[in-house]
Amino acid sequence: MSAQAKKSLKEKVEEEAKAFFPVFLYVWFLLAVLGVHKSIVLSQAHLVQHQGFAVVKALAFAKVLFIANKFGVWRVFDKMPLITPILVKSLLFGLLLIVMDIAEQALLEHIWPSHVDHDGVDLSNLRTLLSVGLVSFAALIPFFGYREFAKLIGDKELLNVLFVRREMFVPQREVERAAAPAPAETVES
């Protein structure tokens, strides 16, 4: 392999890792918080066990999302209003998280039956599934909202809007304030 091809391959791997890592971090954070919430609600003491599964599920989830983006599955939404891809992607990936939870529970029951939560969240209950689905859907909206806005205006511009002082990003505000007429004073008779 030539030096040019190696450099190109290295750059591609770095680029892919930079795109993958934030997705993984967000999903891991989401799953970790949901795991802590589940442990608190169910008064369970094994918080660390849930965190290990959160990392594995986040890696799998991020990889599925990453592959879907690479194959351009979402091009269908390119001409639709921005809210459509945000809500549809949140719904679909919320459903994926539920499927991953069900698979995790089945795998645990099969491989490690002594550590299964027998008093845990019953994912076979329709009400519980809807609740988990609604929470997952709502938690994914900011993630997909950020990604869609970044595609629309660019990553760097969105980061500037979010993390740089507004006065530095939108300098015309000072000009608008200076050009605005002073409020008219009322004359009392």
N, C-alpha and C. Protein backbone atom coordinates (compact mmCIF):
# COMPACT_ATOMS: atom_id res chain seq x y z
N MET A 1 0.84 -1.17 0.00
CA MET A 1 0.00 0.00 0.00
C MET A 1 0.89 1.24 0.00
N SER A 2 0.60 2.20 -0.82
CA SER A 2 1.42 3.40 -0.90
C SER A 2 1.16 4.32 0.29
N ALA A 3 2.07 5.27 0.49
CA ALA A 3 1.95 6.20 1.61
C ALA A 3 0.67 7.05 1.47
N GLN A 4 0.34 7.39 0.22
CA GLN A 4 -0.87 8.18 -0.05
C GLN A 4 -2.12 7.41 0.34
N ALA A 5 -2.17 6.12 -0.01
CA ALA A 5 -3.34 5.29 0.30
C ALA A 5 -3.45 5.06 1.81
N LYS A 6 -2.30 4.86 2.49
CA LYS A 6 -2.32 4.68 3.94
C LYS A 6 -2.82 5.94 4.63
N LYS A 7 -2.34 7.08 4.16
CA LYS A 7 -2.77 8.35 4.74
C LYS A 7 -4.26 8.54 4.50
N SER A 8 -4.70 8.22 3.33
CA SER A 8 -6.12 8.35 3.01
C SER A 8 -6.96 7.43 3.88
N LEU A 9 -6.50 6.20 4.08
CA LEU A 9 -7.21 5.25 4.92
C LEU A 9 -7.24 5.73 6.37
N LYS A 10 -6.10 6.25 6.84
CA LYS A 10 -6.03 6.75 8.20
C LYS A 10 -6.98 7.94 8.39
N GLU A 11 -7.02 8.83 7.40
CA GLU A 11 -7.91 9.98 7.47
C GLU A 11 -9.37 9.54 7.48
N LYS A 12 -9.70 8.53 6.67
CA LYS A 12 -11.06 8.02 6.65
C LYS A 12 -11.46 7.42 7.99
N VAL A 13 -10.55 6.65 8.59
CA VAL A 13 -10.84 6.04 9.89
C VAL A 13 -11.04 7.13 10.95
N GLU A 14 -10.19 8.14 10.94
CA GLU A 14 -10.33 9.24 11.90
C GLU A 14 -11.64 9.98 11.69
N GLU A 15 -12.01 10.21 10.44
CA GLU A 15 -13.26 10.90 10.13
C GLU A 15 -14.46 10.08 10.59
N GLU A 16 -14.43 8.78 10.34
CA GLU A 16 -15.52 7.90 10.77
C GLU A 16 -15.61 7.86 12.30
N ALA A 17 -14.46 7.80 12.96
CA ALA A 17 -14.45 7.77 14.42
C ALA A 17 -15.01 9.07 15.00
N LYS A 18 -14.65 10.20 14.38
CA LYS A 18 -15.17 11.48 14.85
C LYS A 18 -16.68 11.57 14.67
N ALA A 19 -17.21 10.95 13.64
CA ALA A 19 -18.66 10.95 13.43
C ALA A 19 -19.36 9.95 14.36
N PHE A 20 -18.71 8.83 14.64
CA PHE A 20 -19.30 7.77 15.45
C PHE A 20 -19.30 8.11 16.94
N PHE A 21 -18.23 8.70 17.43
CA PHE A 21 -18.05 8.92 18.86
C PHE A 21 -19.15 9.78 19.49
N PRO A 22 -19.56 10.92 18.91
CA PRO A 22 -20.64 11.69 19.54
C PRO A 22 -21.97 10.93 19.59
N VAL A 23 -22.24 10.14 18.57
CA VAL A 23 -23.47 9.34 18.56
C VAL A 23 -23.41 8.34 19.71
N PHE A 24 -22.29 7.65 19.83
CA PHE A 24 -22.13 6.69 20.91
C PHE A 24 -22.27 7.37 22.27
N LEU A 25 -21.63 8.52 22.46
CA LEU A 25 -21.69 9.21 23.74
C LEU A 25 -23.12 9.61 24.11
N TYR A 26 -23.87 10.15 23.15
CA TYR A 26 -25.25 10.56 23.44
C TYR A 26 -26.09 9.34 23.81
N VAL A 27 -26.00 8.29 23.03
CA VAL A 27 -26.81 7.10 23.29
C VAL A 27 -26.39 6.45 24.60
N TRP A 28 -25.09 6.39 24.88
CA TRP A 28 -24.64 5.84 26.14
C TRP A 28 -25.17 6.66 27.30
N PHE A 29 -25.08 7.98 27.21
CA PHE A 29 -25.58 8.86 28.26
C PHE A 29 -27.07 8.64 28.47
N LEU A 30 -27.82 8.57 27.38
CA LEU A 30 -29.26 8.34 27.46
C LEU A 30 -29.56 7.01 28.15
N LEU A 31 -28.91 5.95 27.72
CA LEU A 31 -29.15 4.63 28.31
C LEU A 31 -28.66 4.56 29.76
N ALA A 32 -27.57 5.21 30.06
CA ALA A 32 -27.06 5.22 31.43
C ALA A 32 -28.06 5.93 32.36
N VAL A 33 -28.56 7.06 31.93
CA VAL A 33 -29.54 7.79 32.75
C VAL A 33 -30.82 6.97 32.90
N LEU A 34 -31.27 6.35 31.84
CA LEU A 34 -32.47 5.51 31.94
C LEU A 34 -32.21 4.31 32.86
N GLY A 35 -31.01 3.73 32.83
CA GLY A 35 -30.67 2.64 33.72
C GLY A 35 -30.67 3.07 35.18
N VAL A 36 -30.11 4.25 35.46
CA VAL A 36 -30.12 4.78 36.82
C VAL A 36 -31.57 5.04 37.25
N HIS A 37 -32.35 5.62 36.37
CA HIS A 37 -33.76 5.88 36.68
C HIS A 37 -34.50 4.59 37.01
N LYS A 38 -34.27 3.56 36.20
CA LYS A 38 -34.92 2.27 36.44
C LYS A 38 -34.51 1.71 37.80
N SER A 39 -33.23 1.80 38.13
CA SER A 39 -32.75 1.29 39.42
C SER A 39 -33.35 2.06 40.58
N ILE A 40 -33.50 3.35 40.43
CA ILE A 40 -34.08 4.17 41.50
C ILE A 40 -35.57 3.85 41.66
N VAL A 41 -36.29 3.79 40.56
CA VAL A 41 -37.73 3.52 40.62
C VAL A 41 -38.00 2.15 41.21
N LEU A 42 -37.19 1.16 40.82
CA LEU A 42 -37.41 -0.20 41.31
C LEU A 42 -36.65 -0.49 42.60
N SER A 43 -35.99 0.53 43.17
CA SER A 43 -35.20 0.38 44.40
C SER A 43 -34.20 -0.75 44.29
N GLN A 44 -33.49 -0.78 43.20
CA GLN A 44 -32.47 -1.80 42.98
C GLN A 44 -31.10 -1.25 43.37
N ALA A 45 -30.25 -2.13 43.85
CA ALA A 45 -28.93 -1.69 44.32
C ALA A 45 -27.85 -1.86 43.26
N HIS A 46 -28.10 -2.58 42.18
CA HIS A 46 -27.04 -2.87 41.22
C HIS A 46 -27.05 -1.90 40.04
N LEU A 47 -26.63 -0.66 40.34
CA LEU A 47 -26.55 0.37 39.30
C LEU A 47 -25.46 0.06 38.28
N VAL A 48 -24.35 -0.50 38.71
CA VAL A 48 -23.21 -0.74 37.84
C VAL A 48 -23.55 -1.76 36.76
N GLN A 49 -24.32 -2.77 37.10
CA GLN A 49 -24.69 -3.80 36.12
C GLN A 49 -25.42 -3.16 34.94
N HIS A 50 -26.33 -2.24 35.21
CA HIS A 50 -27.07 -1.59 34.14
C HIS A 50 -26.15 -0.73 33.27
N GLN A 51 -25.11 -0.15 33.86
CA GLN A 51 -24.20 0.70 33.09
C GLN A 51 -23.40 -0.10 32.08
N GLY A 52 -23.03 -1.33 32.44
CA GLY A 52 -22.30 -2.18 31.50
C GLY A 52 -23.15 -2.50 30.28
N PHE A 53 -24.41 -2.81 30.49
CA PHE A 53 -25.31 -3.08 29.38
C PHE A 53 -25.58 -1.82 28.58
N ALA A 54 -25.57 -0.67 29.24
CA ALA A 54 -25.78 0.60 28.53
C ALA A 54 -24.67 0.84 27.52
N VAL A 55 -23.44 0.52 27.89
CA VAL A 55 -22.31 0.71 26.97
C VAL A 55 -22.45 -0.21 25.76
N VAL A 56 -22.78 -1.48 26.00
CA VAL A 56 -22.92 -2.44 24.90
C VAL A 56 -24.08 -2.03 23.98
N LYS A 57 -25.21 -1.68 24.58
CA LYS A 57 -26.36 -1.27 23.76
C LYS A 57 -26.06 0.02 23.00
N ALA A 58 -25.34 0.94 23.63
CA ALA A 58 -24.99 2.19 22.95
C ALA A 58 -24.09 1.92 21.76
N LEU A 59 -23.13 1.02 21.91
CA LEU A 59 -22.27 0.68 20.77
C LEU A 59 -23.08 0.07 19.63
N ALA A 60 -23.98 -0.85 19.96
CA ALA A 60 -24.80 -1.49 18.92
C ALA A 60 -25.74 -0.48 18.28
N PHE A 61 -26.38 0.34 19.09
CA PHE A 61 -27.32 1.34 18.59
C PHE A 61 -26.62 2.36 17.70
N ALA A 62 -25.47 2.85 18.16
CA ALA A 62 -24.71 3.84 17.39
C ALA A 62 -24.25 3.24 16.07
N LYS A 63 -23.87 1.98 16.07
CA LYS A 63 -23.44 1.33 14.83
C LYS A 63 -24.59 1.21 13.84
N VAL A 64 -25.78 0.84 14.32
CA VAL A 64 -26.95 0.77 13.44
C VAL A 64 -27.27 2.14 12.86
N LEU A 65 -27.25 3.17 13.69
CA LEU A 65 -27.51 4.53 13.22
C LEU A 65 -26.45 4.97 12.22
N PHE A 66 -25.21 4.65 12.51
CA PHE A 66 -24.10 5.01 11.65
C PHE A 66 -24.23 4.36 10.28
N ILE A 67 -24.57 3.06 10.25
CA ILE A 67 -24.73 2.34 8.99
C ILE A 67 -25.92 2.88 8.21
N ALA A 68 -27.02 3.17 8.89
CA ALA A 68 -28.20 3.74 8.22
C ALA A 68 -27.85 5.06 7.55
N ASN A 69 -27.04 5.88 8.22
CA ASN A 69 -26.63 7.15 7.62
C ASN A 69 -25.69 6.94 6.43
N LYS A 70 -24.80 5.96 6.53
CA LYS A 70 -23.85 5.70 5.44
C LYS A 70 -24.57 5.24 4.17
N PHE A 71 -25.62 4.44 4.33
CA PHE A 71 -26.34 3.95 3.16
C PHE A 71 -27.39 4.93 2.66
N GLY A 72 -27.54 6.06 3.32
CA GLY A 72 -28.46 7.08 2.86
C GLY A 72 -29.92 6.70 2.98
N VAL A 73 -30.25 5.93 4.00
CA VAL A 73 -31.62 5.48 4.21
C VAL A 73 -32.56 6.67 4.38
N TRP A 74 -32.05 7.78 4.88
CA TRP A 74 -32.90 8.91 5.25
C TRP A 74 -33.09 9.93 4.14
N ARG A 75 -32.61 9.67 2.94
CA ARG A 75 -32.75 10.63 1.83
C ARG A 75 -34.22 10.90 1.50
N VAL A 76 -35.09 10.00 1.88
CA VAL A 76 -36.53 10.15 1.64
C VAL A 76 -37.03 11.44 2.28
N PHE A 77 -36.42 11.87 3.38
CA PHE A 77 -36.90 13.02 4.13
C PHE A 77 -36.25 14.34 3.73
N ASP A 78 -35.36 14.33 2.73
CA ASP A 78 -34.59 15.52 2.39
C ASP A 78 -35.45 16.71 1.98
N LYS A 79 -36.58 16.48 1.35
CA LYS A 79 -37.40 17.59 0.87
C LYS A 79 -38.59 17.89 1.78
N MET A 80 -38.70 17.16 2.85
CA MET A 80 -39.82 17.35 3.79
C MET A 80 -39.46 18.41 4.83
N PRO A 81 -40.47 18.95 5.51
CA PRO A 81 -40.17 19.90 6.60
C PRO A 81 -39.26 19.24 7.64
N LEU A 82 -38.45 20.02 8.30
CA LEU A 82 -37.43 19.51 9.22
C LEU A 82 -38.02 18.69 10.36
N ILE A 83 -39.21 19.00 10.78
CA ILE A 83 -39.82 18.28 11.90
C ILE A 83 -40.10 16.82 11.54
N THR A 84 -40.37 16.54 10.28
CA THR A 84 -40.70 15.17 9.86
C THR A 84 -39.55 14.20 10.10
N PRO A 85 -38.35 14.46 9.57
CA PRO A 85 -37.27 13.50 9.84
C PRO A 85 -36.91 13.42 11.32
N ILE A 86 -37.02 14.52 12.04
CA ILE A 86 -36.70 14.49 13.46
C ILE A 86 -37.65 13.54 14.19
N LEU A 87 -38.94 13.69 13.96
CA LEU A 87 -39.91 12.85 14.67
C LEU A 87 -39.90 11.40 14.18
N VAL A 88 -39.77 11.20 12.88
CA VAL A 88 -39.78 9.82 12.35
C VAL A 88 -38.54 9.06 12.82
N LYS A 89 -37.38 9.69 12.76
CA LYS A 89 -36.16 9.03 13.21
C LYS A 89 -36.23 8.74 14.71
N SER A 90 -36.76 9.68 15.48
CA SER A 90 -36.90 9.47 16.92
C SER A 90 -37.83 8.30 17.20
N LEU A 91 -38.91 8.20 16.46
CA LEU A 91 -39.86 7.10 16.64
C LEU A 91 -39.22 5.76 16.27
N LEU A 92 -38.60 5.70 15.10
CA LEU A 92 -38.00 4.45 14.65
C LEU A 92 -36.88 3.97 15.57
N PHE A 93 -36.03 4.88 15.98
CA PHE A 93 -34.93 4.48 16.84
C PHE A 93 -35.40 4.26 18.28
N GLY A 94 -36.49 4.89 18.69
CA GLY A 94 -37.10 4.56 19.97
C GLY A 94 -37.61 3.13 19.97
N LEU A 95 -38.23 2.73 18.86
CA LEU A 95 -38.67 1.35 18.72
C LEU A 95 -37.49 0.39 18.71
N LEU A 96 -36.41 0.80 18.07
CA LEU A 96 -35.20 -0.03 18.06
C LEU A 96 -34.66 -0.23 19.48
N LEU A 97 -34.69 0.83 20.29
CA LEU A 97 -34.23 0.70 21.67
C LEU A 97 -35.10 -0.28 22.46
N ILE A 98 -36.41 -0.27 22.19
CA ILE A 98 -37.30 -1.23 22.87
C ILE A 98 -36.95 -2.65 22.46
N VAL A 99 -36.73 -2.85 21.17
CA VAL A 99 -36.36 -4.19 20.68
C VAL A 99 -35.04 -4.63 21.31
N MET A 100 -34.09 -3.70 21.43
CA MET A 100 -32.81 -4.04 22.05
C MET A 100 -32.99 -4.38 23.53
N ASP A 101 -33.91 -3.70 24.23
CA ASP A 101 -34.19 -4.02 25.62
C ASP A 101 -34.78 -5.41 25.76
N ILE A 102 -35.72 -5.74 24.88
CA ILE A 102 -36.33 -7.07 24.91
C ILE A 102 -35.28 -8.14 24.62
N ALA A 103 -34.41 -7.89 23.63
CA ALA A 103 -33.35 -8.85 23.30
C ALA A 103 -32.37 -8.99 24.47
N GLU A 104 -32.04 -7.88 25.12
CA GLU A 104 -31.13 -7.92 26.27
C GLU A 104 -31.74 -8.78 27.38
N GLN A 105 -33.02 -8.57 27.66
CA GLN A 105 -33.67 -9.33 28.72
C GLN A 105 -33.71 -10.82 28.39
N ALA A 106 -34.02 -11.15 27.13
CA ALA A 106 -34.06 -12.56 26.72
C ALA A 106 -32.67 -13.18 26.79
N LEU A 107 -31.66 -12.44 26.38
CA LEU A 107 -30.28 -12.93 26.42
C LEU A 107 -29.83 -13.16 27.86
N LEU A 108 -30.18 -12.23 28.74
CA LEU A 108 -29.82 -12.38 30.15
C LEU A 108 -30.49 -13.61 30.75
N GLU A 109 -31.77 -13.80 30.44
CA GLU A 109 -32.49 -14.97 30.97
C GLU A 109 -31.87 -16.27 30.48
N HIS A 110 -31.36 -16.27 29.27
CA HIS A 110 -30.78 -17.48 28.69
C HIS A 110 -29.36 -17.75 29.21
N ILE A 111 -28.54 -16.71 29.25
CA ILE A 111 -27.12 -16.87 29.58
C ILE A 111 -26.85 -16.78 31.08
N TRP A 112 -27.51 -15.84 31.74
CA TRP A 112 -27.18 -15.53 33.13
C TRP A 112 -28.46 -15.46 33.96
N PRO A 113 -29.18 -16.58 34.10
CA PRO A 113 -30.50 -16.55 34.74
C PRO A 113 -30.48 -16.12 36.21
N SER A 114 -29.37 -16.28 36.90
CA SER A 114 -29.33 -15.90 38.32
C SER A 114 -29.27 -14.39 38.52
N HIS A 115 -28.90 -13.65 37.47
CA HIS A 115 -28.78 -12.19 37.59
C HIS A 115 -29.91 -11.44 36.88
N VAL A 116 -30.94 -12.14 36.49
CA VAL A 116 -32.06 -11.48 35.80
C VAL A 116 -32.92 -10.78 36.83
N ASP A 117 -33.42 -9.59 36.47
CA ASP A 117 -34.35 -8.87 37.34
C ASP A 117 -35.71 -9.53 37.26
N HIS A 118 -36.03 -10.36 38.24
CA HIS A 118 -37.35 -10.99 38.22
C HIS A 118 -38.43 -10.02 38.67
N ASP A 119 -38.02 -8.95 39.34
CA ASP A 119 -38.98 -7.92 39.72
C ASP A 119 -38.75 -6.65 38.90
N GLY A 120 -38.09 -6.77 37.78
CA GLY A 120 -37.75 -5.63 36.93
C GLY A 120 -38.92 -5.16 36.09
N VAL A 121 -38.63 -4.31 35.15
CA VAL A 121 -39.64 -3.77 34.26
C VAL A 121 -40.11 -4.88 33.33
N ASP A 122 -41.39 -5.10 33.30
CA ASP A 122 -41.98 -6.16 32.47
C ASP A 122 -42.24 -5.62 31.07
N LEU A 123 -41.34 -5.94 30.14
CA LEU A 123 -41.47 -5.42 28.78
C LEU A 123 -42.50 -6.19 27.96
N SER A 124 -43.11 -7.20 28.53
CA SER A 124 -44.18 -7.88 27.80
C SER A 124 -45.53 -7.21 28.06
N ASN A 125 -45.57 -6.29 29.00
CA ASN A 125 -46.78 -5.54 29.32
C ASN A 125 -46.91 -4.38 28.32
N LEU A 126 -48.06 -4.24 27.68
CA LEU A 126 -48.26 -3.21 26.66
C LEU A 126 -48.10 -1.81 27.24
N ARG A 127 -48.60 -1.57 28.43
CA ARG A 127 -48.51 -0.26 29.06
C ARG A 127 -47.04 0.10 29.30
N THR A 128 -46.26 -0.86 29.76
CA THR A 128 -44.84 -0.63 30.00
C THR A 128 -44.12 -0.37 28.69
N LEU A 129 -44.43 -1.14 27.67
CA LEU A 129 -43.81 -0.92 26.35
C LEU A 129 -44.11 0.48 25.83
N LEU A 130 -45.35 0.92 25.97
CA LEU A 130 -45.71 2.27 25.52
C LEU A 130 -44.97 3.34 26.32
N SER A 131 -44.83 3.11 27.62
CA SER A 131 -44.12 4.08 28.46
C SER A 131 -42.65 4.16 28.08
N VAL A 132 -42.01 3.00 27.94
CA VAL A 132 -40.60 2.97 27.55
C VAL A 132 -40.44 3.58 26.16
N GLY A 133 -41.36 3.27 25.27
CA GLY A 133 -41.31 3.84 23.92
C GLY A 133 -41.46 5.34 23.92
N LEU A 134 -42.37 5.86 24.73
CA LEU A 134 -42.58 7.31 24.80
C LEU A 134 -41.35 8.02 25.37
N VAL A 135 -40.76 7.45 26.40
CA VAL A 135 -39.55 8.04 26.99
C VAL A 135 -38.40 8.01 25.98
N SER A 136 -38.23 6.89 25.30
CA SER A 136 -37.15 6.78 24.29
C SER A 136 -37.37 7.77 23.16
N PHE A 137 -38.61 7.85 22.68
CA PHE A 137 -38.97 8.78 21.61
C PHE A 137 -38.64 10.22 22.01
N ALA A 138 -39.08 10.61 23.20
CA ALA A 138 -38.86 11.99 23.67
C ALA A 138 -37.37 12.27 23.87
N ALA A 139 -36.63 11.29 24.36
CA ALA A 139 -35.21 11.50 24.62
C ALA A 139 -34.39 11.58 23.33
N LEU A 140 -34.89 11.00 22.26
CA LEU A 140 -34.15 11.02 20.99
C LEU A 140 -34.46 12.26 20.15
N ILE A 141 -35.51 12.98 20.45
CA ILE A 141 -35.87 14.18 19.68
C ILE A 141 -34.74 15.22 19.68
N PRO A 142 -34.14 15.57 20.83
CA PRO A 142 -33.03 16.55 20.77
C PRO A 142 -31.84 16.04 19.96
N PHE A 143 -31.56 14.76 20.05
CA PHE A 143 -30.44 14.18 19.31
C PHE A 143 -30.66 14.33 17.81
N PHE A 144 -31.81 13.88 17.33
CA PHE A 144 -32.07 13.98 15.89
C PHE A 144 -32.32 15.42 15.46
N GLY A 145 -32.85 16.24 16.35
CA GLY A 145 -33.01 17.66 16.04
C GLY A 145 -31.66 18.31 15.79
N TYR A 146 -30.71 18.03 16.66
CA TYR A 146 -29.36 18.57 16.49
C TYR A 146 -28.76 18.10 15.17
N ARG A 147 -28.89 16.80 14.89
CA ARG A 147 -28.30 16.24 13.66
C ARG A 147 -28.93 16.86 12.41
N GLU A 148 -30.24 17.05 12.43
CA GLU A 148 -30.92 17.62 11.25
C GLU A 148 -30.55 19.09 11.07
N PHE A 149 -30.49 19.86 12.16
CA PHE A 149 -30.07 21.25 12.05
C PHE A 149 -28.62 21.34 11.58
N ALA A 150 -27.77 20.43 12.04
CA ALA A 150 -26.38 20.44 11.60
C ALA A 150 -26.28 20.16 10.11
N LYS A 151 -27.12 19.25 9.60
CA LYS A 151 -27.12 19.00 8.15
C LYS A 151 -27.60 20.22 7.39
N LEU A 152 -28.53 20.95 7.97
CA LEU A 152 -29.12 22.10 7.29
C LEU A 152 -28.17 23.30 7.25
N ILE A 153 -27.58 23.65 8.39
CA ILE A 153 -26.75 24.86 8.42
C ILE A 153 -25.27 24.58 8.55
N GLY A 154 -24.90 23.32 8.78
CA GLY A 154 -23.49 22.95 8.91
C GLY A 154 -23.10 22.77 10.37
N ASP A 155 -22.20 21.81 10.59
CA ASP A 155 -21.76 21.50 11.96
C ASP A 155 -21.11 22.69 12.65
N LYS A 156 -20.19 23.35 11.97
CA LYS A 156 -19.47 24.46 12.60
C LYS A 156 -20.39 25.61 12.94
N GLU A 157 -21.32 25.92 12.03
CA GLU A 157 -22.25 27.02 12.30
C GLU A 157 -23.16 26.70 13.47
N LEU A 158 -23.63 25.45 13.56
CA LEU A 158 -24.50 25.07 14.66
C LEU A 158 -23.73 25.09 15.98
N LEU A 159 -22.49 24.63 15.97
CA LEU A 159 -21.67 24.71 17.18
C LEU A 159 -21.46 26.16 17.60
N ASN A 160 -21.27 27.06 16.63
CA ASN A 160 -21.14 28.48 16.95
C ASN A 160 -22.42 29.02 17.57
N VAL A 161 -23.55 28.65 17.01
CA VAL A 161 -24.83 29.13 17.54
C VAL A 161 -25.01 28.64 18.98
N LEU A 162 -24.64 27.41 19.25
CA LEU A 162 -24.86 26.83 20.57
C LEU A 162 -23.82 27.23 21.61
N PHE A 163 -22.55 27.38 21.20
CA PHE A 163 -21.49 27.52 22.18
C PHE A 163 -20.69 28.82 22.12
N VAL A 164 -21.00 29.71 21.20
CA VAL A 164 -20.33 31.01 21.12
C VAL A 164 -21.33 32.07 21.55
N ARG A 165 -20.85 33.09 22.17
CA ARG A 165 -21.78 34.15 22.62
C ARG A 165 -22.59 34.68 21.45
N ARG A 166 -23.82 34.94 21.69
CA ARG A 166 -24.73 35.37 20.62
C ARG A 166 -24.28 36.66 19.97
N GLU A 167 -23.74 37.56 20.75
CA GLU A 167 -23.31 38.84 20.17
C GLU A 167 -22.22 38.62 19.13
N MET A 168 -21.39 37.60 19.37
CA MET A 168 -20.31 37.32 18.43
C MET A 168 -20.85 36.64 17.18
N PHE A 169 -21.93 35.89 17.34
CA PHE A 169 -22.48 35.16 16.19
C PHE A 169 -23.41 36.02 15.36
N VAL A 170 -24.16 36.90 16.01
CA VAL A 170 -25.13 37.74 15.31
C VAL A 170 -24.80 39.20 15.61
N PRO A 171 -23.82 39.77 14.90
CA PRO A 171 -23.39 41.14 15.21
C PRO A 171 -24.39 42.21 14.79
N GLN A 172 -25.34 41.88 13.91
CA GLN A 172 -26.26 42.91 13.44
C GLN A 172 -27.22 43.37 14.53
N ARG A 173 -27.30 42.70 15.64
CA ARG A 173 -28.19 43.13 16.72
C ARG A 173 -27.80 44.51 17.23
N GLU A 174 -26.51 44.76 17.37
CA GLU A 174 -26.06 46.07 17.84
C GLU A 174 -26.45 47.14 16.83
N VAL A 175 -26.31 46.84 15.55
CA VAL A 175 -26.67 47.80 14.51
C VAL A 175 -28.16 48.06 14.55
N GLU A 176 -28.97 47.02 14.74
CA GLU A 176 -30.42 47.18 14.80
C GLU A 176 -30.83 48.04 15.98
N ARG A 177 -30.18 47.83 17.14
CA ARG A 177 -30.52 48.63 18.32
C ARG A 177 -30.16 50.10 18.12
N ALA A 178 -29.03 50.35 17.48
CA ALA A 178 -28.60 51.73 17.26
C ALA A 178 -29.50 52.43 16.26
N ALA A 179 -30.01 51.69 15.27
CA ALA A 179 -30.84 52.29 14.23
C ALA A 179 -32.30 52.43 14.64
N ALA A 180 -32.71 51.73 15.69
CA ALA A 180 -34.12 51.77 16.12
C ALA A 180 -34.44 53.14 16.69
N PRO A 181 -35.60 53.69 16.31
CA PRO A 181 -35.99 55.01 16.85
C PRO A 181 -36.33 54.90 18.34
N ALA A 182 -36.08 55.98 19.04
CA ALA A 182 -36.40 56.02 20.47
C ALA A 182 -37.91 56.03 20.62
N PRO A 183 -38.43 55.44 21.70
CA PRO A 183 -39.87 55.41 21.89
C PRO A 183 -40.40 56.83 22.06
N ALA A 184 -41.56 57.07 21.48
CA ALA A 184 -42.16 58.40 21.55
C ALA A 184 -42.66 58.68 22.96
N GLU A 185 -42.41 59.91 23.42
CA GLU A 185 -42.86 60.29 24.76
C GLU A 185 -44.27 60.82 24.66
N THR A 186 -45.06 60.52 25.67
CA THR A 186 -46.43 61.02 25.68
C THR A 186 -46.46 62.39 26.32
N VAL A 187 -47.27 63.25 25.79
CA VAL A 187 -47.40 64.62 26.31
C VAL A 187 -48.69 64.66 27.10
N GLU A 188 -48.57 65.09 28.38
CA GLU A 188 -49.76 65.18 29.20
C GLU A 188 -50.35 66.57 29.06
N SER A 189 -51.67 66.63 29.06
CA SER A 189 -52.31 67.93 28.93
C SER A 189 -52.80 68.45 30.25
